[in-house]
């Protein structure tokens, strides 16, 4: 009998323990905790009885006041009273008049609903810095690492079809808990409204690429430059070829010329454009050969030979029309080709140097004033200021003979640098 009483006492004690722990915990947004038995949850209200008075009245609590509920079985419900932020539709964007920020005006800030969505995002891995937790206000952001303050700054954003591209400009850094003014590289984040919503780090290369080209090969977006232009200058080297050259006992030598130019680039899509140019060309060809001549004497005469170096100078205007294919991104690479019309300016000037006669100069008219040519080349565009620095390599080949005595063509290699506007 005594053993039965002991067993009943132990059973009641364990049951009491379970009864104490078998409760729901309602955590309010002000930090307080209510021990309760939850009866019903609706979108706007939570009905419960106090755990210390389970036979008492049902109490109604607004969902807006509740942060979370931890149930007796260990489950947790977290309540977000802010509705999910959605990007503006095209119709909504058209309905909102455009605003221009005045000096000192930071521009429109983040929508409060968007702030609430962003501030619930988990930590984001950032190269070099590690995993950061971000907190956003209207125009500012704050980042912590393992609970410690790390960075802060200002926020600008650009809407996309599915969310936002956020540019976080660093203005301050925390050193040993002290906030120090120090500018640093911007952090680019991409927010997708979902569902489910997400916030991810993207590199500057991707951000620039997506900003300038939403869909590769599609027409230039409204607001982008369709026509750009610039100026170039460079050096070139020319050498002779063609039908008669192969029978001519001569070898080409290096002869530097120069060129100056201007261009317009007319974009058809984000990767294809037409580029007309106007260039002034100063070409020089130089070659060495053995010249033969007849020398008369009382017995009739004989042939003599002498080494000679002959330099030809040609001045022309060139009008190419080039088809140009370009990559998109922070640094641009282009490949182009197309025809060109060349107009010879004045006579062709010759300089002949021989061991027998020394140096002689003379001029001759061009056989054809207008010449046709083909151009193929490649170009790099490197962002610089509000435009881009240009490095250009091109090859030219003429198809029209401009020499009176020989059927010759001119080959030319050019290296140019320049500066132009950027789309």
Protein backbone atom coordinates (compact mmCIF):
# COMPACT_ATOMS: atom_id res chain seq x y z
CA UNK A 1 0.00 0.00 0.00
CA UNK A 2 2.83 2.36 0.85
CA UNK A 3 4.43 1.66 -2.51
CA UNK A 4 1.16 2.59 -4.25
CA UNK A 5 1.09 5.99 -2.53
CA UNK A 6 4.69 6.64 -3.60
CA UNK A 7 3.88 5.73 -7.21
CA UNK A 8 0.84 8.04 -7.24
CA UNK A 9 2.90 10.91 -5.78
CA UNK A 10 5.63 10.51 -8.42
CA UNK A 11 3.00 10.36 -11.21
CA UNK A 12 1.32 13.52 -9.97
CA UNK A 13 4.70 15.29 -9.70
CA UNK A 14 5.69 14.40 -13.29
CA UNK A 15 2.27 15.36 -14.55
CA UNK A 16 2.65 18.69 -12.77
CA UNK A 17 5.93 19.27 -14.56
CA UNK A 18 4.32 18.60 -17.94
CA UNK A 19 1.41 20.83 -17.07
CA UNK A 20 3.79 23.67 -16.23
CA UNK A 21 5.72 23.32 -19.49
CA UNK A 22 2.65 22.64 -21.68
CA UNK A 23 1.93 26.29 -22.37
CA UNK A 24 2.09 28.66 -25.32
CA UNK A 25 4.31 31.75 -25.12
CA UNK A 26 3.09 34.91 -26.90
CA UNK A 27 5.99 37.33 -27.48
CA UNK A 28 4.80 40.91 -28.00
CA UNK A 29 6.59 43.55 -30.05
CA UNK A 30 7.35 45.57 -26.91
CA UNK A 31 9.36 42.61 -25.57
CA UNK A 32 6.85 41.31 -22.99
CA UNK A 33 5.79 37.63 -22.86
CA UNK A 34 2.35 36.21 -22.14
CA UNK A 35 1.93 32.63 -20.89
CA UNK A 36 -1.26 31.42 -22.52
CA UNK A 37 -3.27 28.70 -24.19
CA UNK A 38 -3.94 29.92 -27.75
CA UNK A 39 -7.53 29.21 -28.84
CA UNK A 40 -7.78 30.73 -32.32
CA UNK A 41 -5.69 32.82 -34.74
CA UNK A 42 -7.22 34.98 -37.50
CA UNK A 43 -5.47 37.38 -39.94
CA UNK A 44 -6.12 40.29 -37.57
CA UNK A 45 -6.65 38.79 -34.07
CA UNK A 46 -5.34 36.15 -31.66
CA UNK A 47 -7.75 34.65 -29.08
CA UNK A 48 -6.31 33.01 -25.97
CA UNK A 49 -6.82 32.27 -22.29
CA UNK A 50 -4.27 33.10 -19.66
CA UNK A 51 -2.38 29.97 -18.63
CA UNK A 52 -2.84 30.74 -14.93
CA UNK A 53 -6.61 31.04 -15.45
CA UNK A 54 -7.60 28.49 -18.11
CA UNK A 55 -11.25 28.62 -17.07
CA UNK A 56 -11.31 32.39 -17.40
CA UNK A 57 -12.58 34.55 -20.25
CA UNK A 58 -11.14 34.47 -23.80
CA UNK A 59 -8.87 37.44 -24.42
CA UNK A 60 -8.55 39.04 -27.90
CA UNK A 61 -5.15 40.45 -28.94
CA UNK A 62 -4.44 42.33 -32.23
CA UNK A 63 -1.93 40.53 -34.46
CA UNK A 64 -0.19 43.87 -35.02
CA UNK A 65 1.05 43.74 -31.40
CA UNK A 66 2.50 40.23 -31.68
CA UNK A 67 6.01 39.36 -32.85
CA UNK A 68 5.82 35.55 -32.49
CA UNK A 69 4.18 32.61 -30.72
CA UNK A 70 6.08 29.60 -29.37
CA UNK A 71 3.68 26.68 -28.98
CA UNK A 72 3.86 23.90 -26.39
CA UNK A 73 5.11 21.42 -29.02
CA UNK A 74 8.06 23.66 -29.94
CA UNK A 75 6.61 25.17 -33.13
CA UNK A 76 7.11 28.92 -33.68
CA UNK A 77 4.96 31.33 -35.70
CA UNK A 78 6.48 34.71 -36.64
CA UNK A 79 4.07 37.50 -37.57
CA UNK A 80 4.89 40.14 -40.17
CA UNK A 81 2.18 42.76 -40.22
CA UNK A 82 3.80 44.66 -43.11
CA UNK A 83 2.44 43.48 -46.48
CA UNK A 84 5.01 42.26 -48.98
CA UNK A 85 6.52 45.05 -51.10
CA UNK A 86 5.99 44.71 -54.83
CA UNK A 87 7.79 46.61 -57.61
CA UNK A 88 5.72 49.23 -59.38
CA UNK A 89 3.97 48.13 -62.54
CA UNK A 90 4.63 49.91 -65.83
CA UNK A 91 1.25 51.67 -65.53
CA UNK A 92 2.05 52.81 -61.99
CA UNK A 93 5.45 54.09 -63.07
CA UNK A 94 3.85 56.10 -65.88
CA UNK A 95 1.28 57.51 -63.47
CA UNK A 96 3.98 58.87 -61.13
CA UNK A 97 5.57 62.09 -62.47
CA UNK A 98 9.34 62.07 -62.75
CA UNK A 99 11.18 64.05 -60.08
CA UNK A 100 14.57 65.69 -60.31
CA UNK A 101 16.63 65.97 -57.14
CA UNK A 102 17.70 69.51 -56.34
CA UNK A 103 21.19 70.19 -54.90
CA UNK A 104 21.26 68.82 -51.37
CA UNK A 105 18.10 66.75 -51.96
CA UNK A 106 18.87 63.03 -51.47
CA UNK A 107 15.99 62.09 -53.78
CA UNK A 108 13.16 59.64 -53.02
CA UNK A 109 13.92 57.23 -50.22
CA UNK A 110 13.04 53.58 -49.73
CA UNK A 111 9.37 52.81 -49.29
CA UNK A 112 8.54 51.87 -45.65
CA UNK A 113 7.12 48.51 -46.78
CA UNK A 114 10.33 47.85 -48.69
CA UNK A 115 12.40 48.81 -45.64
CA UNK A 116 10.45 46.28 -43.56
CA UNK A 117 11.06 43.57 -46.17
CA UNK A 118 14.77 44.36 -46.48
CA UNK A 119 15.35 44.50 -42.74
CA UNK A 120 14.08 40.93 -42.33
CA UNK A 121 16.61 39.47 -44.77
CA UNK A 122 19.26 37.12 -43.35
CA UNK A 123 23.00 37.81 -43.41
CA UNK A 124 24.55 38.19 -46.88
CA UNK A 125 28.04 36.91 -47.80
CA UNK A 126 30.14 39.83 -49.11
CA UNK A 127 33.60 39.14 -50.59
CA UNK A 128 36.45 40.15 -48.22
CA UNK A 129 34.02 41.48 -45.57
CA UNK A 130 32.29 38.20 -44.68
CA UNK A 131 28.59 37.70 -43.85
CA UNK A 132 26.89 41.03 -43.09
CA UNK A 133 23.50 41.87 -41.63
CA UNK A 134 22.03 45.01 -43.22
CA UNK A 135 19.55 47.46 -41.72
CA UNK A 136 17.95 50.06 -44.02
CA UNK A 137 16.31 53.41 -43.40
CA UNK A 138 14.93 55.85 -45.98
CA UNK A 139 18.28 57.01 -47.39
CA UNK A 140 20.85 55.19 -45.25
CA UNK A 141 22.10 51.69 -44.46
CA UNK A 142 23.99 50.07 -41.62
CA UNK A 143 25.91 46.77 -41.62
CA UNK A 144 27.00 44.55 -38.73
CA UNK A 145 29.25 41.51 -38.63
CA UNK A 146 28.75 38.94 -35.85
CA UNK A 147 26.71 41.54 -33.96
CA UNK A 148 29.39 44.24 -34.11
CA UNK A 149 28.98 47.52 -36.02
CA UNK A 150 31.07 47.53 -39.20
CA UNK A 151 29.96 49.94 -41.96
CA UNK A 152 27.32 52.55 -42.76
CA UNK A 153 26.50 54.90 -45.60
CA UNK A 154 23.88 56.18 -48.02
CA UNK A 155 21.56 54.25 -50.34
CA UNK A 156 20.47 54.76 -53.94
CA UNK A 157 18.33 52.30 -55.85
CA UNK A 158 17.00 51.44 -59.29
CA UNK A 159 13.84 49.43 -59.88
CA UNK A 160 13.97 46.30 -62.06
CA UNK A 161 11.18 44.08 -63.29
CA UNK A 162 11.41 41.83 -60.22
CA UNK A 163 12.75 44.09 -57.48
CA UNK A 164 15.60 46.55 -56.99
CA UNK A 165 19.28 47.08 -57.56
CA UNK A 166 20.61 48.79 -54.40
CA UNK A 167 23.86 50.75 -54.48
CA UNK A 168 25.25 51.17 -50.96
CA UNK A 169 27.86 53.93 -50.82
CA UNK A 170 30.12 53.65 -47.80
CA UNK A 171 30.59 56.85 -45.78
CA UNK A 172 31.65 55.52 -42.34
CA UNK A 173 33.47 52.59 -40.79
CA UNK A 174 33.52 51.42 -37.16
CA UNK A 175 36.92 50.96 -35.53
CA UNK A 176 36.85 49.45 -32.03
CA UNK A 177 33.25 50.55 -31.69
CA UNK A 178 33.98 54.15 -32.74
CA UNK A 179 32.32 55.56 -35.87
CA UNK A 180 34.91 57.07 -38.20
CA UNK A 181 34.18 58.98 -41.40
CA UNK A 182 35.80 57.04 -44.23
CA UNK A 183 34.62 56.57 -47.81
CA UNK A 184 34.99 53.17 -49.40
CA UNK A 185 33.88 51.09 -52.39
CA UNK A 186 30.16 50.77 -53.01
CA UNK A 187 28.34 47.50 -52.32
CA UNK A 188 25.81 46.43 -54.96
CA UNK A 189 22.86 44.33 -53.77
CA UNK A 190 19.95 42.85 -55.72
CA UNK A 191 16.58 42.53 -54.01
CA UNK A 192 14.02 40.16 -55.55
CA UNK A 193 10.47 40.66 -54.28
CA UNK A 194 9.75 36.96 -54.67
CA UNK A 195 8.01 35.01 -53.36
CA UNK A 196 10.10 34.27 -51.49
CA UNK A 197 11.93 37.60 -51.20
CA UNK A 198 15.74 37.49 -51.37
CA UNK A 199 18.68 39.87 -51.10
CA UNK A 200 21.99 38.99 -52.77
CA UNK A 201 25.36 40.54 -53.50
CA UNK A 202 26.17 41.25 -57.15
CA UNK A 203 29.47 42.48 -58.58
CA UNK A 204 29.86 45.86 -60.28
CA UNK A 205 30.49 44.20 -63.63
CA UNK A 206 27.10 42.49 -63.51
CA UNK A 207 25.35 45.61 -62.25
CA UNK A 208 26.76 47.72 -65.10
CA UNK A 209 25.94 45.02 -67.64
CA UNK A 210 22.33 44.71 -66.49
CA UNK A 211 21.92 48.47 -66.27
CA UNK A 212 22.99 49.00 -69.89
CA UNK A 213 21.58 45.84 -71.47
CA UNK A 214 18.38 44.25 -70.20
CA UNK A 215 18.12 41.91 -73.17
CA UNK A 216 21.13 41.41 -75.47
CA UNK A 217 20.51 42.46 -79.04
CA UNK A 218 17.32 44.40 -78.29
CA UNK A 219 16.88 48.08 -79.22
CA UNK A 220 18.58 50.65 -77.02
CA UNK A 221 16.48 51.45 -73.98
CA UNK A 222 14.76 54.78 -73.68
CA UNK A 223 17.19 57.30 -72.19
CA UNK A 224 20.29 55.60 -73.63
CA UNK A 225 22.38 57.41 -76.25
CA UNK A 226 21.76 56.14 -79.78
CA UNK A 227 24.42 58.39 -81.34
CA UNK A 228 27.89 58.84 -79.85
CA UNK A 229 31.03 60.34 -81.29
CA UNK A 230 34.66 61.17 -80.72
CA UNK A 231 38.09 61.98 -82.12
CA UNK A 232 41.12 59.81 -82.85
CA UNK A 233 44.79 60.19 -83.74
CA UNK A 234 47.41 57.58 -84.52
CA UNK A 235 50.37 56.23 -86.42
CA UNK A 236 50.40 53.88 -89.40
CA UNK A 237 52.73 51.82 -91.58
CA UNK A 238 52.16 51.18 -95.30
CA UNK A 239 53.69 48.74 -97.76
CA UNK A 240 53.14 47.92 -101.43
CA UNK A 241 51.60 44.82 -102.99
CA UNK A 242 49.57 43.90 -106.03
CA UNK A 243 50.06 42.40 -109.47
CA UNK A 244 53.33 44.08 -110.45
CA UNK A 245 54.97 43.90 -107.05
CA UNK A 246 55.62 40.18 -107.25
CA UNK A 247 57.72 40.74 -110.38
CA UNK A 248 59.59 43.69 -108.94
CA UNK A 249 62.94 42.96 -107.27
CA UNK A 250 62.28 45.04 -104.16
CA UNK A 251 61.77 44.66 -100.43
CA UNK A 252 59.58 46.82 -98.18
CA UNK A 253 60.97 48.88 -95.31
CA UNK A 254 59.26 50.46 -92.35
CA UNK A 255 57.88 53.93 -93.03
CA UNK A 256 55.76 55.68 -90.39
CA UNK A 257 52.83 57.89 -91.27
CA UNK A 258 50.05 59.42 -89.21
CA UNK A 259 46.30 59.95 -89.27
CA UNK A 260 43.66 62.12 -87.62
CA UNK A 261 39.97 61.38 -87.53
CA UNK A 262 36.47 61.91 -86.19
CA UNK A 263 33.60 59.43 -86.02
CA UNK A 264 29.92 59.03 -85.23
CA UNK A 265 28.54 55.76 -83.89
CA UNK A 266 24.86 55.09 -84.57
CA UNK A 267 23.53 52.24 -82.42
CA UNK A 268 20.92 49.90 -83.88
CA UNK A 269 20.92 47.54 -80.87
CA UNK A 270 22.99 47.14 -77.72
CA UNK A 271 25.61 45.15 -79.64
CA UNK A 272 25.41 46.36 -83.27
CA UNK A 273 26.05 49.83 -84.68
CA UNK A 274 27.03 51.66 -87.88
CA UNK A 275 30.08 53.94 -87.67
CA UNK A 276 30.81 56.53 -90.38
CA UNK A 277 34.19 58.28 -90.12
CA UNK A 278 36.16 61.12 -91.68
CA UNK A 279 39.94 60.64 -91.54
CA UNK A 280 42.96 62.49 -92.85
CA UNK A 281 45.69 60.01 -93.83
CA UNK A 282 49.39 60.70 -94.33
CA UNK A 283 50.85 57.50 -95.75
CA UNK A 284 54.46 56.69 -96.56
CA UNK A 285 55.67 53.60 -98.41
CA UNK A 286 59.38 52.77 -98.47
CA UNK A 287 61.23 50.03 -100.30
CA UNK A 288 64.74 49.17 -101.46
CA UNK A 289 65.51 47.96 -105.02
CA UNK A 290 68.30 47.62 -107.55
CA UNK A 291 67.92 50.14 -110.40
CA UNK A 292 69.38 49.47 -113.85
CA UNK A 293 70.28 52.16 -116.39
CA UNK A 294 72.07 52.34 -119.77
CA UNK A 295 75.37 54.18 -119.98
CA UNK A 296 76.52 55.35 -123.43
CA UNK A 297 80.17 55.22 -124.52
CA UNK A 298 82.05 55.40 -127.87
CA UNK A 299 81.57 51.67 -128.35
CA UNK A 300 77.78 51.84 -127.88
CA UNK A 301 77.16 51.61 -124.14
CA UNK A 302 76.42 49.15 -121.35
CA UNK A 303 74.00 48.49 -118.45
CA UNK A 304 74.83 49.68 -114.93
CA UNK A 305 73.14 48.84 -111.66
CA UNK A 306 72.82 50.78 -108.39
CA UNK A 307 71.08 50.22 -105.05
CA UNK A 308 68.23 52.61 -104.33
CA UNK A 309 65.76 53.39 -101.53
CA UNK A 310 62.50 54.96 -102.66
CA UNK A 311 59.97 56.62 -100.35
CA UNK A 312 56.50 57.62 -101.55
CA UNK A 313 54.31 60.10 -99.64
CA UNK A 314 50.53 60.09 -100.17
CA UNK A 315 47.96 62.43 -98.56
CA UNK A 316 44.28 61.42 -98.58
CA UNK A 317 40.88 61.99 -97.08
CA UNK A 318 39.16 58.73 -96.12
CA UNK A 319 35.44 58.14 -95.57
CA UNK A 320 34.76 54.64 -94.14
CA UNK A 321 31.33 53.23 -93.22
CA UNK A 322 31.90 50.40 -90.73
CA UNK A 323 29.63 47.68 -89.35
CA UNK A 324 30.55 47.35 -85.68
CA UNK A 325 29.80 44.60 -83.16
CA UNK A 326 30.47 45.40 -79.50
CA UNK A 327 30.31 43.64 -76.17
CA UNK A 328 28.43 45.19 -73.28
CA UNK A 329 29.79 45.81 -69.82
CA UNK A 330 32.13 48.12 -67.99
CA UNK A 331 34.91 47.73 -70.58
CA UNK A 332 33.83 47.46 -74.22
CA UNK A 333 35.46 45.34 -76.93
CA UNK A 334 34.45 45.85 -80.58
CA UNK A 335 35.10 44.14 -83.90
CA UNK A 336 34.33 46.01 -87.14
CA UNK A 337 34.70 45.89 -90.91
CA UNK A 338 33.50 47.81 -93.93
CA UNK A 339 34.33 49.71 -97.13
CA UNK A 340 36.03 53.09 -97.47
CA UNK A 341 36.32 55.74 -100.16
CA UNK A 342 39.68 57.57 -100.38
CA UNK A 343 40.30 60.89 -102.10
CA UNK A 344 43.95 61.57 -103.02
CA UNK A 345 45.04 65.13 -102.21
CA UNK A 346 47.55 66.55 -104.71
CA UNK A 347 50.46 64.70 -106.30
CA UNK A 348 52.36 61.66 -105.13
CA UNK A 349 55.76 62.74 -103.79
CA UNK A 350 58.83 60.56 -104.27
CA UNK A 351 62.24 60.61 -102.58
CA UNK A 352 64.91 58.45 -104.25
CA UNK A 353 68.27 57.79 -102.59
CA UNK A 354 71.04 56.08 -104.62
CA UNK A 355 74.79 55.67 -104.24
CA UNK A 356 75.34 57.04 -107.76
CA UNK A 357 73.10 60.09 -107.88
CA UNK A 358 72.55 60.83 -104.18
CA UNK A 359 69.10 62.05 -103.12
CA UNK A 360 66.52 63.16 -105.64
CA UNK A 361 62.91 64.25 -105.17
CA UNK A 362 60.14 64.46 -107.74
CA UNK A 363 56.33 64.37 -107.98
CA UNK A 364 53.82 62.61 -110.17
CA UNK A 365 50.07 62.77 -110.58
CA UNK A 366 47.91 60.03 -109.14
CA UNK A 367 46.62 57.59 -111.73
CA UNK A 368 43.23 57.62 -109.94
CA UNK A 369 42.22 60.38 -107.53
CA UNK A 370 39.44 58.27 -105.99
CA UNK A 371 40.35 54.90 -104.53
CA UNK A 372 38.28 52.17 -102.92
CA UNK A 373 39.49 50.20 -99.89
CA UNK A 374 38.36 47.69 -97.26
CA UNK A 375 38.93 47.99 -93.52
CA UNK A 376 38.88 45.39 -90.73
CA UNK A 377 39.82 46.05 -87.12
CA UNK A 378 39.17 45.83 -83.40
CA UNK A 379 38.80 48.37 -80.63
CA UNK A 380 38.77 48.62 -76.85
CA UNK A 381 36.67 51.21 -75.04
CA UNK A 382 37.79 51.88 -71.47
CA UNK A 383 35.56 54.13 -69.26
CA UNK A 384 37.21 57.45 -68.45
CA UNK A 385 35.25 60.30 -66.88
CA UNK A 386 31.94 60.84 -68.67
CA UNK A 387 33.19 59.08 -71.82
CA UNK A 388 35.67 56.42 -72.79
CA UNK A 389 39.31 56.11 -73.83
CA UNK A 390 39.70 54.29 -77.16
CA UNK A 391 42.50 52.00 -78.35
CA UNK A 392 42.06 50.93 -81.98
CA UNK A 393 43.93 48.58 -84.35
CA UNK A 394 42.98 48.37 -88.04
CA UNK A 395 44.14 46.96 -91.36
CA UNK A 396 43.40 48.59 -94.74
CA UNK A 397 43.78 47.31 -98.28
CA UNK A 398 43.24 49.47 -101.37
CA UNK A 399 41.62 48.00 -104.50
CA UNK A 400 42.23 50.88 -106.90
CA UNK A 401 45.63 51.61 -108.45
CA UNK A 402 46.84 55.17 -107.89
CA UNK A 403 50.30 54.75 -109.47
CA UNK A 404 50.78 55.63 -113.14
CA UNK A 405 53.60 53.24 -114.08
CA UNK A 406 52.78 50.13 -112.02
CA UNK A 407 49.74 48.11 -111.09
CA UNK A 408 50.20 48.27 -107.33
CA UNK A 409 48.00 48.18 -104.19
CA UNK A 410 48.70 49.61 -100.76
CA UNK A 411 48.44 47.71 -97.47
CA UNK A 412 48.25 49.70 -94.24
CA UNK A 413 48.30 48.94 -90.50
CA UNK A 414 47.16 51.66 -88.11
CA UNK A 415 47.21 52.10 -84.33
CA UNK A 416 45.00 54.86 -82.98
CA UNK A 417 43.98 56.30 -79.65
CA UNK A 418 41.04 58.55 -79.00
CA UNK A 419 38.30 59.77 -76.69
CA UNK A 420 34.57 59.65 -77.24
CA UNK A 421 31.17 59.72 -75.60
CA UNK A 422 29.67 56.54 -74.20
CA UNK A 423 26.16 55.07 -74.47
